């Protein structure tokens, strides 16, 4: 008399058959445990949620124990549950107030007696993403598809907003470029090739072609909201 544990690996699409090497006067199988592997699509492209499946096995045909063993239960049902949870988290570490200034600062341009070539302000962020998401703008003032700043006298100037994307993001064209221009009308869609956890940057710019039209002796300001949305 003896008690033994053993393990058989069932190959995929083939029969796992074993031959009896010794004469056994008696045999009793106390239990059977399943170890399974779930072959899924790319989880980064799966929708978040709970995936369930039920597999039914017949002991007499799919688990053939031999003609001298009689199962007390002929049917075995295995329920598999897979939970997919995605992450989209943005932490701004550069602050939510951005001041636009020319390259090398205002003092440099005042000392050479020329108007600045362009105005630029930036803020940084850290992005964690594991699935599809979009980035779009919501503007306090809008000119065409871009946000705008307003002077104290009510004059508007168009503001360009750029998203410096971390590596690992894939755009709708199937590639990646370091910088994308954001729109207030059309969201920019991204998916991930792998889990992304990396820094990025938002840039706000008034190019050289618009600077001469801006009024001097006044202050331009406005609110730009950048929205990362996982509900694609």
C-alpha atoms as a PDB file:
ATOM      1  CA  UNK A   1       0.000   0.000   0.000  1.00  0.00           C
ATOM      2  CA  UNK A   2       1.253   3.466  -0.815  1.00  0.00           C
ATOM      3  CA  UNK A   3       0.232   7.048  -1.510  1.00  0.00           C
ATOM      4  CA  UNK A   4       1.822   8.864  -4.438  1.00  0.00           C
ATOM      5  CA  UNK A   5       1.590  12.253  -6.094  1.00  0.00           C
ATOM      6  CA  UNK A   6       2.414  12.605  -9.780  1.00  0.00           C
ATOM      7  CA  UNK A   7       2.165  15.207 -12.511  1.00  0.00           C
ATOM      8  CA  UNK A   8       1.369  14.798 -16.199  1.00  0.00           C
ATOM      9  CA  UNK A   9       1.689  17.601 -18.695  1.00  0.00           C
ATOM     10  CA  UNK A  10      -0.990  17.432 -21.381  1.00  0.00           C
ATOM     11  CA  UNK A  11       0.396  18.677 -24.693  1.00  0.00           C
ATOM     12  CA  UNK A  12      -1.796  21.056 -26.695  1.00  0.00           C
ATOM     13  CA  UNK A  13      -3.699  19.357 -29.498  1.00  0.00           C
ATOM     14  CA  UNK A  14      -2.341  15.885 -28.702  1.00  0.00           C
ATOM     15  CA  UNK A  15      -3.069  12.927 -26.436  1.00  0.00           C
ATOM     16  CA  UNK A  16      -1.153  12.469 -23.205  1.00  0.00           C
ATOM     17  CA  UNK A  17      -1.155   8.658 -23.030  1.00  0.00           C
ATOM     18  CA  UNK A  18       0.631   6.543 -20.413  1.00  0.00           C
ATOM     19  CA  UNK A  19       1.228   2.778 -20.460  1.00  0.00           C
ATOM     20  CA  UNK A  20       1.064   0.544 -17.382  1.00  0.00           C
ATOM     21  CA  UNK A  21       4.488  -0.920 -16.619  1.00  0.00           C
ATOM     22  CA  UNK A  22       3.452  -3.035 -13.650  1.00  0.00           C
ATOM     23  CA  UNK A  23       0.482  -5.134 -12.629  1.00  0.00           C
ATOM     24  CA  UNK A  24      -1.562  -3.212 -10.081  1.00  0.00           C
ATOM     25  CA  UNK A  25      -3.911  -5.241  -7.875  1.00  0.00           C
ATOM     26  CA  UNK A  26      -5.821  -2.096  -6.945  1.00  0.00           C
ATOM     27  CA  UNK A  27      -5.789   1.648  -7.661  1.00  0.00           C
ATOM     28  CA  UNK A  28      -7.748   4.579  -6.302  1.00  0.00           C
ATOM     29  CA  UNK A  29      -7.320   8.168  -7.551  1.00  0.00           C
ATOM     30  CA  UNK A  30      -8.086  10.475  -4.650  1.00  0.00           C
ATOM     31  CA  UNK A  31      -8.080  13.829  -6.496  1.00  0.00           C
ATOM     32  CA  UNK A  32      -7.141  15.638  -9.704  1.00  0.00           C
ATOM     33  CA  UNK A  33      -5.787  19.197  -9.859  1.00  0.00           C
ATOM     34  CA  UNK A  34      -5.684  21.454 -12.911  1.00  0.00           C
ATOM     35  CA  UNK A  35      -2.833  23.755 -13.822  1.00  0.00           C
ATOM     36  CA  UNK A  36      -3.806  25.837 -16.843  1.00  0.00           C
ATOM     37  CA  UNK A  37      -2.396  28.548 -19.067  1.00  0.00           C
ATOM     38  CA  UNK A  38      -4.601  31.243 -20.624  1.00  0.00           C
ATOM     39  CA  UNK A  39      -3.527  32.333 -24.104  1.00  0.00           C
ATOM     40  CA  UNK A  40      -4.966  35.844 -24.500  1.00  0.00           C
ATOM     41  CA  UNK A  41      -4.686  38.633 -27.082  1.00  0.00           C
ATOM     42  CA  UNK A  42      -2.303  41.481 -26.343  1.00  0.00           C
ATOM     43  CA  UNK A  43      -3.668  42.728 -22.977  1.00  0.00           C
ATOM     44  CA  UNK A  44      -2.664  46.305 -23.874  1.00  0.00           C
ATOM     45  CA  UNK A  45      -5.238  46.164 -26.689  1.00  0.00           C
ATOM     46  CA  UNK A  46      -8.022  44.551 -24.641  1.00  0.00           C
ATOM     47  CA  UNK A  47     -10.870  46.544 -23.119  1.00  0.00           C
ATOM     48  CA  UNK A  48     -10.918  46.735 -19.345  1.00  0.00           C
ATOM     49  CA  UNK A  49     -13.391  44.381 -17.716  1.00  0.00           C
ATOM     50  CA  UNK A  50     -14.006  40.812 -16.560  1.00  0.00           C
ATOM     51  CA  UNK A  51     -13.689  37.978 -19.082  1.00  0.00           C
ATOM     52  CA  UNK A  52     -15.257  34.631 -18.199  1.00  0.00           C
ATOM     53  CA  UNK A  53     -15.330  31.235 -19.825  1.00  0.00           C
ATOM     54  CA  UNK A  54     -16.633  27.769 -18.947  1.00  0.00           C
ATOM     55  CA  UNK A  55     -14.968  24.562 -20.145  1.00  0.00           C
ATOM     56  CA  UNK A  56     -16.708  21.203 -19.704  1.00  0.00           C
ATOM     57  CA  UNK A  57     -14.728  17.950 -19.654  1.00  0.00           C
ATOM     58  CA  UNK A  58     -16.008  14.375 -19.754  1.00  0.00           C
ATOM     59  CA  UNK A  59     -13.934  12.028 -17.605  1.00  0.00           C
ATOM     60  CA  UNK A  60     -14.822   8.943 -19.626  1.00  0.00           C
ATOM     61  CA  UNK A  61     -13.665  10.419 -22.958  1.00  0.00           C
ATOM     62  CA  UNK A  62     -11.340  13.381 -22.407  1.00  0.00           C
ATOM     63  CA  UNK A  63      -9.764  12.075 -19.194  1.00  0.00           C
ATOM     64  CA  UNK A  64      -9.698   8.334 -19.885  1.00  0.00           C
ATOM     65  CA  UNK A  65      -8.490   6.698 -16.653  1.00  0.00           C
ATOM     66  CA  UNK A  66      -8.574   3.122 -17.963  1.00  0.00           C
ATOM     67  CA  UNK A  67     -11.252   0.469 -18.145  1.00  0.00           C
ATOM     68  CA  UNK A  68     -10.792  -0.682 -14.527  1.00  0.00           C
ATOM     69  CA  UNK A  69     -11.306   2.790 -13.000  1.00  0.00           C
ATOM     70  CA  UNK A  70     -14.853   4.102 -12.611  1.00  0.00           C
ATOM     71  CA  UNK A  71     -15.281   7.856 -11.957  1.00  0.00           C
ATOM     72  CA  UNK A  72     -17.803   8.870  -9.344  1.00  0.00           C
ATOM     73  CA  UNK A  73     -18.435  12.051 -11.348  1.00  0.00           C
ATOM     74  CA  UNK A  74     -18.327  11.930 -15.144  1.00  0.00           C
ATOM     75  CA  UNK A  75     -18.448  15.668 -15.891  1.00  0.00           C
ATOM     76  CA  UNK A  76     -15.972  18.314 -14.743  1.00  0.00           C
ATOM     77  CA  UNK A  77     -16.657  22.025 -15.313  1.00  0.00           C
ATOM     78  CA  UNK A  78     -13.816  24.531 -15.125  1.00  0.00           C
ATOM     79  CA  UNK A  79     -14.683  28.219 -14.899  1.00  0.00           C
ATOM     80  CA  UNK A  80     -11.949  30.675 -15.878  1.00  0.00           C
ATOM     81  CA  UNK A  81     -12.163  34.362 -14.897  1.00  0.00           C
ATOM     82  CA  UNK A  82      -9.751  36.985 -16.214  1.00  0.00           C
ATOM     83  CA  UNK A  83      -9.821  40.574 -14.979  1.00  0.00           C
ATOM     84  CA  UNK A  84      -8.212  43.258 -17.151  1.00  0.00           C
ATOM     85  CA  UNK A  85      -7.532  46.588 -15.439  1.00  0.00           C
ATOM     86  CA  UNK A  86      -5.889  49.511 -17.213  1.00  0.00           C
ATOM     87  CA  UNK A  87      -4.042  52.526 -15.856  1.00  0.00           C
ATOM     88  CA  UNK A  88      -4.105  56.128 -17.054  1.00  0.00           C
ATOM     89  CA  UNK A  89      -2.467  58.500 -14.609  1.00  0.00           C
ATOM     90  CA  UNK A  90      -0.905  61.923 -15.238  1.00  0.00           C
ATOM     91  CA  UNK A  91       1.036  63.772 -12.548  1.00  0.00           C
ATOM     92  CA  UNK A  92       1.964  67.372 -13.377  1.00  0.00           C
ATOM     93  CA  UNK A  93       5.238  68.292 -11.702  1.00  0.00           C
ATOM     94  CA  UNK A  94       5.918  71.621 -13.421  1.00  0.00           C
ATOM     95  CA  UNK A  95       2.975  73.453 -11.868  1.00  0.00           C
ATOM     96  CA  UNK A  96      -0.279  74.608 -13.456  1.00  0.00           C
ATOM     97  CA  UNK A  97       0.821  78.189 -14.065  1.00  0.00           C
ATOM     98  CA  UNK A  98       2.977  78.737 -17.160  1.00  0.00           C
ATOM     99  CA  UNK A  99       4.687  82.036 -18.008  1.00  0.00           C
ATOM    100  CA  UNK A 100       5.640  82.595 -21.649  1.00  0.00           C
ATOM    101  CA  UNK A 101       8.944  84.267 -22.348  1.00  0.00           C
ATOM    102  CA  UNK A 102      11.378  84.604 -25.273  1.00  0.00           C
ATOM    103  CA  UNK A 103      14.527  82.457 -25.617  1.00  0.00           C
ATOM    104  CA  UNK A 104      17.266  83.573 -23.180  1.00  0.00           C
ATOM    105  CA  UNK A 105      14.752  85.742 -21.300  1.00  0.00           C
ATOM    106  CA  UNK A 106      13.351  89.256 -21.662  1.00  0.00           C
ATOM    107  CA  UNK A 107      16.558  90.967 -20.545  1.00  0.00           C
ATOM    108  CA  UNK A 108      18.496  89.616 -23.513  1.00  0.00           C
ATOM    109  CA  UNK A 109      16.019  90.926 -26.084  1.00  0.00           C
ATOM    110  CA  UNK A 110      15.710  94.284 -24.359  1.00  0.00           C
ATOM    111  CA  UNK A 111      19.500  94.676 -24.330  1.00  0.00           C
ATOM    112  CA  UNK A 112      19.811  94.077 -28.096  1.00  0.00           C
ATOM    113  CA  UNK A 113      16.848  96.345 -28.844  1.00  0.00           C
ATOM    114  CA  UNK A 114      14.870  93.870 -30.912  1.00  0.00           C
ATOM    115  CA  UNK A 115      11.502  92.188 -30.434  1.00  0.00           C
ATOM    116  CA  UNK A 116      11.704  88.486 -29.444  1.00  0.00           C
ATOM    117  CA  UNK A 117      11.462  85.797 -32.115  1.00  0.00           C
ATOM    118  CA  UNK A 118       8.867  83.677 -30.304  1.00  0.00           C
ATOM    119  CA  UNK A 119       7.401  83.136 -26.833  1.00  0.00           C
ATOM    120  CA  UNK A 120       7.558  79.767 -25.077  1.00  0.00           C
ATOM    121  CA  UNK A 121       6.375  78.254 -21.803  1.00  0.00           C
ATOM    122  CA  UNK A 122       6.631  74.626 -20.647  1.00  0.00           C
ATOM    123  CA  UNK A 123       5.507  72.326 -17.864  1.00  0.00           C
ATOM    124  CA  UNK A 124       6.417  68.703 -17.201  1.00  0.00           C
ATOM    125  CA  UNK A 125       4.377  65.643 -16.293  1.00  0.00           C
ATOM    126  CA  UNK A 126       4.776  61.933 -15.607  1.00  0.00           C
ATOM    127  CA  UNK A 127       2.520  59.583 -17.577  1.00  0.00           C
ATOM    128  CA  UNK A 128       1.467  56.044 -16.653  1.00  0.00           C
ATOM    129  CA  UNK A 129      -0.630  54.350 -19.363  1.00  0.00           C
ATOM    130  CA  UNK A 130      -1.483  50.777 -20.316  1.00  0.00           C
ATOM    131  CA  UNK A 131      -4.168  51.165 -22.985  1.00  0.00           C
ATOM    132  CA  UNK A 132      -5.879  53.492 -25.470  1.00  0.00           C
ATOM    133  CA  UNK A 133      -6.372  57.147 -24.571  1.00  0.00           C
ATOM    134  CA  UNK A 134      -6.829  60.532 -26.210  1.00  0.00           C
ATOM    135  CA  UNK A 135      -5.379  63.970 -25.540  1.00  0.00           C
ATOM    136  CA  UNK A 136      -7.345  67.114 -26.384  1.00  0.00           C
ATOM    137  CA  UNK A 137      -7.711  70.757 -25.398  1.00  0.00           C
ATOM    138  CA  UNK A 138     -10.437  72.753 -23.715  1.00  0.00           C
ATOM    139  CA  UNK A 139      -9.924  76.484 -24.180  1.00  0.00           C
ATOM    140  CA  UNK A 140     -11.151  79.552 -22.354  1.00  0.00           C
ATOM    141  CA  UNK A 141     -10.763  81.426 -25.673  1.00  0.00           C
ATOM    142  CA  UNK A 142     -10.541  79.726 -29.058  1.00  0.00           C
ATOM    143  CA  UNK A 143      -9.233  80.784 -32.471  1.00  0.00           C
ATOM    144  CA  UNK A 144      -9.940  78.135 -35.117  1.00  0.00           C
ATOM    145  CA  UNK A 145      -8.871  74.821 -33.578  1.00  0.00           C
ATOM    146  CA  UNK A 146      -6.359  76.374 -31.164  1.00  0.00           C
ATOM    147  CA  UNK A 147      -6.580  78.076 -27.815  1.00  0.00           C
ATOM    148  CA  UNK A 148      -5.936  81.791 -27.535  1.00  0.00           C
ATOM    149  CA  UNK A 149      -4.686  84.348 -25.037  1.00  0.00           C
ATOM    150  CA  UNK A 150      -6.454  87.666 -24.448  1.00  0.00           C
ATOM    151  CA  UNK A 151      -4.805  90.983 -23.667  1.00  0.00           C
ATOM    152  CA  UNK A 152      -6.081  93.385 -21.026  1.00  0.00           C
ATOM    153  CA  UNK A 153      -7.583  95.424 -23.903  1.00  0.00           C
ATOM    154  CA  UNK A 154      -9.434  92.399 -25.295  1.00  0.00           C
ATOM    155  CA  UNK A 155      -7.194  91.502 -28.240  1.00  0.00           C
ATOM    156  CA  UNK A 156      -6.629  87.785 -28.958  1.00  0.00           C
ATOM    157  CA  UNK A 157      -3.508  85.964 -30.094  1.00  0.00           C
ATOM    158  CA  UNK A 158      -3.455  82.278 -31.098  1.00  0.00           C
ATOM    159  CA  UNK A 159      -1.522  79.899 -28.835  1.00  0.00           C
ATOM    160  CA  UNK A 160       0.022  76.640 -30.101  1.00  0.00           C
ATOM    161  CA  UNK A 161      -0.011  73.723 -27.630  1.00  0.00           C
ATOM    162  CA  UNK A 162       2.368  70.786 -28.102  1.00  0.00           C
ATOM    163  CA  UNK A 163       2.454  67.377 -26.407  1.00  0.00           C
ATOM    164  CA  UNK A 164       5.959  65.930 -26.098  1.00  0.00           C
ATOM    165  CA  UNK A 165       5.063  62.253 -25.928  1.00  0.00           C
ATOM    166  CA  UNK A 166       7.058  59.612 -24.037  1.00  0.00           C
ATOM    167  CA  UNK A 167       8.446  56.724 -26.077  1.00  0.00           C
ATOM    168  CA  UNK A 168       6.182  53.670 -26.196  1.00  0.00           C
ATOM    169  CA  UNK A 169       3.095  55.530 -27.442  1.00  0.00           C
ATOM    170  CA  UNK A 170       1.733  54.679 -30.894  1.00  0.00           C
ATOM    171  CA  UNK A 171      -0.350  57.229 -32.813  1.00  0.00           C
ATOM    172  CA  UNK A 172      -3.149  56.578 -35.309  1.00  0.00           C
ATOM    173  CA  UNK A 173      -0.615  56.349 -38.147  1.00  0.00           C
ATOM    174  CA  UNK A 174       1.033  53.419 -36.375  1.00  0.00           C
ATOM    175  CA  UNK A 175       4.220  55.256 -35.426  1.00  0.00           C
ATOM    176  CA  UNK A 176       5.639  57.663 -32.884  1.00  0.00           C
ATOM    177  CA  UNK A 177       7.069  61.156 -33.141  1.00  0.00           C
ATOM    178  CA  UNK A 178       8.490  63.147 -30.244  1.00  0.00           C
ATOM    179  CA  UNK A 179       6.074  66.103 -30.469  1.00  0.00           C
ATOM    180  CA  UNK A 180       2.372  66.347 -31.405  1.00  0.00           C
ATOM    181  CA  UNK A 181       0.364  69.537 -31.854  1.00  0.00           C
ATOM    182  CA  UNK A 182      -2.873  69.392 -29.861  1.00  0.00           C
ATOM    183  CA  UNK A 183      -6.257  70.571 -31.079  1.00  0.00           C
ATOM    184  CA  UNK A 184      -9.373  71.872 -29.389  1.00  0.00           C
ATOM    185  CA  UNK A 185     -11.544  70.166 -32.031  1.00  0.00           C
ATOM    186  CA  UNK A 186      -9.971  66.781 -32.845  1.00  0.00           C
ATOM    187  CA  UNK A 187      -8.567  64.619 -30.018  1.00  0.00           C
ATOM    188  CA  UNK A 188      -5.184  63.007 -30.615  1.00  0.00           C
ATOM    189  CA  UNK A 189      -5.501  59.235 -30.138  1.00  0.00           C
ATOM    190  CA  UNK A 190      -2.742  56.993 -28.763  1.00  0.00           C
ATOM    191  CA  UNK A 191      -2.258  53.357 -27.878  1.00  0.00           C
ATOM    192  CA  UNK A 192       0.693  51.719 -26.155  1.00  0.00           C
ATOM    193  CA  UNK A 193       3.152  49.091 -27.389  1.00  0.00           C
ATOM    194  CA  UNK A 194       3.977  48.255 -23.772  1.00  0.00           C
ATOM    195  CA  UNK A 195       3.284  49.667 -20.344  1.00  0.00           C
ATOM    196  CA  UNK A 196       4.402  53.302 -20.383  1.00  0.00           C
ATOM    197  CA  UNK A 197       5.724  54.994 -17.253  1.00  0.00           C
ATOM    198  CA  UNK A 198       7.825  57.965 -18.309  1.00  0.00           C
ATOM    199  CA  UNK A 199       8.073  61.770 -18.176  1.00  0.00           C
ATOM    200  CA  UNK A 200       6.746  64.082 -20.880  1.00  0.00           C
ATOM    201  CA  UNK A 201       6.264  67.786 -21.453  1.00  0.00           C
ATOM    202  CA  UNK A 202       3.610  70.289 -22.499  1.00  0.00           C
ATOM    203  CA  UNK A 203       4.809  73.285 -24.499  1.00  0.00           C
ATOM    204  CA  UNK A 204       2.844  76.489 -25.126  1.00  0.00           C
ATOM    205  CA  UNK A 205       4.146  78.675 -27.928  1.00  0.00           C
ATOM    206  CA  UNK A 206       3.425  81.893 -29.789  1.00  0.00           C
ATOM    207  CA  UNK A 207       5.539  81.695 -32.968  1.00  0.00           C
ATOM    208  CA  UNK A 208       7.539  84.538 -34.460  1.00  0.00           C
ATOM    209  CA  UNK A 209       4.904  85.244 -37.121  1.00  0.00           C
ATOM    210  CA  UNK A 210       2.361  86.286 -34.455  1.00  0.00           C
ATOM    211  CA  UNK A 211       4.595  88.217 -32.073  1.00  0.00           C
ATOM    212  CA  UNK A 212       4.580  91.498 -34.087  1.00  0.00           C
ATOM    213  CA  UNK A 213       0.771  91.627 -33.937  1.00  0.00           C
ATOM    214  CA  UNK A 214       0.752  91.559 -30.133  1.00  0.00           C
ATOM    215  CA  UNK A 215       0.174  94.806 -28.269  1.00  0.00           C
ATOM    216  CA  UNK A 216       2.980  96.161 -26.124  1.00  0.00           C
ATOM    217  CA  UNK A 217       2.449  97.431 -22.628  1.00  0.00           C
ATOM    218  CA  UNK A 218      -0.294  94.913 -21.919  1.00  0.00           C
ATOM    219  CA  UNK A 219      -0.601  91.415 -20.462  1.00  0.00           C
ATOM    220  CA  UNK A 220      -1.984  88.384 -22.300  1.00  0.00           C
ATOM    221  CA  UNK A 221      -3.495  85.548 -20.312  1.00  0.00           C
ATOM    222  CA  UNK A 222      -5.900  82.639 -20.606  1.00  0.00           C
ATOM    223  CA  UNK A 223      -6.741  79.158 -19.389  1.00  0.00           C
ATOM    224  CA  UNK A 224      -5.857  76.015 -21.341  1.00  0.00           C
ATOM    225  CA  UNK A 225      -7.088  72.645 -20.080  1.00  0.00           C
ATOM    226  CA  UNK A 226      -5.320  69.526 -21.377  1.00  0.00           C
ATOM    227  CA  UNK A 227      -7.533  66.443 -21.079  1.00  0.00           C
ATOM    228  CA  UNK A 228      -6.231  62.878 -21.050  1.00  0.00           C
ATOM    229  CA  UNK A 229      -9.255  60.631 -21.600  1.00  0.00           C
ATOM    230  CA  UNK A 230      -9.342  56.823 -21.389  1.00  0.00           C
ATOM    231  CA  UNK A 231     -12.932  56.692 -22.710  1.00  0.00           C
ATOM    232  CA  UNK A 232     -11.911  56.485 -26.364  1.00  0.00           C
END
